[in-house]
Amino acid sequence: MTKVKHSAATRERKKKVLKQTKGFWGDRSKQFQQARRALMHALVYSYRDRKVRKREFRQLWIARINAACRAEGLTYSKFIAGLKKANVALDRKMLSELAVKETAVIKKLLELIKQKAS
């Protein structure tokens, strides 16, 4: 029976891993076993952090909105509750952009909320 050689397939598989780990530090980009371990960790981290990024951005938006509200003497939770009562359908991302770039609009929203409350 003839001997089956896998050298071409093995070489391609190793080249693929080493190509993906290009730019990693030290032997993690040069030695196959080190590169394979580093790549597995990197893929796990990238999967996890795609979810974490969404959480972090939401936290940032809320912090910006809260800062803008407190400058006008209102808390974040009361601001959001007031927006819901006033049927203002702006998401937190847009509200944070307004809080940073268009403070006059936030002041108008706060006035609207105070009118609805009284």
Protein backbone atom coordinates (compact mmCIF):
# COMPACT_ATOMS: atom_id res chain seq x y z
CA MET A 1 0.00 0.00 0.00
CA THR A 2 1.28 3.48 -0.83
CA LYS A 3 2.11 6.05 1.80
CA VAL A 4 -0.24 9.04 1.91
CA LYS A 5 1.55 12.34 2.25
CA HIS A 6 -0.23 15.32 3.76
CA SER A 7 2.55 17.84 3.47
CA ALA A 8 0.70 20.18 1.10
CA ALA A 9 -2.44 20.30 3.23
CA THR A 10 -0.42 20.69 6.44
CA ARG A 11 1.64 23.50 4.97
CA GLU A 12 -1.49 25.34 3.80
CA ARG A 13 -3.15 24.99 7.20
CA LYS A 14 -0.06 26.29 8.98
CA LYS A 15 0.35 29.15 6.52
CA LYS A 16 -3.26 30.17 7.12
CA VAL A 17 -2.74 30.33 10.89
CA LEU A 18 0.57 32.19 10.58
CA LYS A 19 -1.00 34.67 8.19
CA GLN A 20 -3.76 35.40 10.71
CA THR A 21 -1.23 35.92 13.52
CA LYS A 22 0.93 38.31 11.53
CA GLY A 23 1.77 41.25 13.77
CA PHE A 24 1.49 39.30 17.02
CA TRP A 25 4.37 39.77 19.44
CA GLY A 26 7.45 37.52 19.37
CA ASP A 27 7.13 33.80 18.63
CA ARG A 28 3.34 34.08 18.61
CA SER A 29 3.60 35.17 15.00
CA LYS A 30 6.39 32.83 13.90
CA GLN A 31 6.03 29.40 15.55
CA PHE A 32 2.95 27.42 14.55
CA GLN A 33 2.02 26.03 17.97
CA GLN A 34 2.49 29.38 19.70
CA ALA A 35 0.59 31.09 16.90
CA ARG A 36 -2.30 28.62 17.09
CA ARG A 37 -2.70 29.17 20.85
CA ALA A 38 -2.47 32.94 20.48
CA LEU A 39 -4.99 32.92 17.63
CA MET A 40 -7.49 30.88 19.67
CA HIS A 41 -7.27 33.41 22.51
CA ALA A 42 -7.51 36.33 20.09
CA LEU A 43 -10.65 34.92 18.47
CA VAL A 44 -12.27 34.33 21.87
CA TYR A 45 -11.48 37.89 22.94
CA SER A 46 -12.73 39.40 19.70
CA TYR A 47 -16.03 37.48 19.95
CA ARG A 48 -16.51 38.53 23.58
CA ASP A 49 -15.52 42.14 23.01
CA ARG A 50 -17.97 42.63 20.15
CA LYS A 51 -20.66 42.23 22.80
CA VAL A 52 -18.79 44.27 25.43
CA ARG A 53 -18.36 47.19 23.01
CA LYS A 54 -22.14 47.62 22.82
CA ARG A 55 -22.38 47.76 26.63
CA GLU A 56 -19.54 50.26 26.92
CA PHE A 57 -21.03 52.59 24.34
CA ARG A 58 -24.41 52.52 26.09
CA GLN A 59 -22.68 53.40 29.39
CA LEU A 60 -20.89 56.30 27.69
CA TRP A 61 -24.12 57.63 26.17
CA ILE A 62 -25.92 57.45 29.53
CA ALA A 63 -23.03 59.24 31.30
CA ARG A 64 -23.12 62.06 28.72
CA ILE A 65 -26.90 62.46 28.97
CA ASN A 66 -26.73 62.39 32.77
CA ALA A 67 -24.04 65.10 32.81
CA ALA A 68 -26.11 67.34 30.53
CA CYS A 69 -29.26 66.80 32.62
CA ARG A 70 -27.55 67.43 35.95
CA ALA A 71 -26.12 70.69 34.60
CA GLU A 72 -29.75 71.77 34.23
CA GLY A 73 -30.84 70.38 37.61
CA LEU A 74 -32.50 67.11 36.61
CA THR A 75 -31.45 63.48 37.01
CA TYR A 76 -31.03 61.05 34.13
CA SER A 77 -33.85 58.75 35.24
CA LYS A 78 -36.35 61.62 35.54
CA PHE A 79 -35.22 62.93 32.15
CA ILE A 80 -35.83 59.56 30.43
CA ALA A 81 -39.18 59.11 32.22
CA GLY A 82 -40.19 62.61 31.12
CA LEU A 83 -39.25 61.88 27.51
CA LYS A 84 -41.45 58.77 27.56
CA LYS A 85 -44.38 60.75 28.98
CA ALA A 86 -43.87 63.45 26.34
CA ASN A 87 -43.74 60.77 23.57
CA VAL A 88 -40.28 61.84 22.44
CA ALA A 89 -38.75 58.84 20.66
CA LEU A 90 -35.01 59.56 20.65
CA ASP A 91 -32.57 56.80 21.48
CA ARG A 92 -29.70 57.26 23.90
CA LYS A 93 -27.11 57.50 21.13
CA MET A 94 -28.87 60.49 19.56
CA LEU A 95 -29.53 62.09 22.94
CA SER A 96 -25.83 61.85 23.83
CA GLU A 97 -24.85 63.44 20.50
CA LEU A 98 -27.29 66.26 21.21
CA ALA A 99 -25.94 66.63 24.74
CA VAL A 100 -22.39 67.03 23.43
CA LYS A 101 -22.95 69.08 20.27
CA GLU A 102 -26.38 70.75 20.58
CA THR A 103 -26.88 71.80 24.20
CA ALA A 104 -29.69 74.16 23.19
CA VAL A 105 -31.78 71.21 22.00
CA ILE A 106 -31.29 69.42 25.32
CA LYS A 107 -32.42 72.56 27.14
CA LYS A 108 -35.57 72.66 24.97
CA LEU A 109 -36.26 69.00 25.78
CA LEU A 110 -35.81 69.71 29.48
CA GLU A 111 -38.27 72.62 29.24
CA LEU A 112 -40.75 70.34 27.45
CA ILE A 113 -40.41 67.76 30.20
CA LYS A 114 -40.92 70.34 32.94
CA GLN A 115 -44.08 71.63 31.16
CA LYS A 116 -45.50 68.09 30.91
CA ALA A 117 -44.70 67.43 34.57
CA SER A 118 -46.60 70.47 35.85
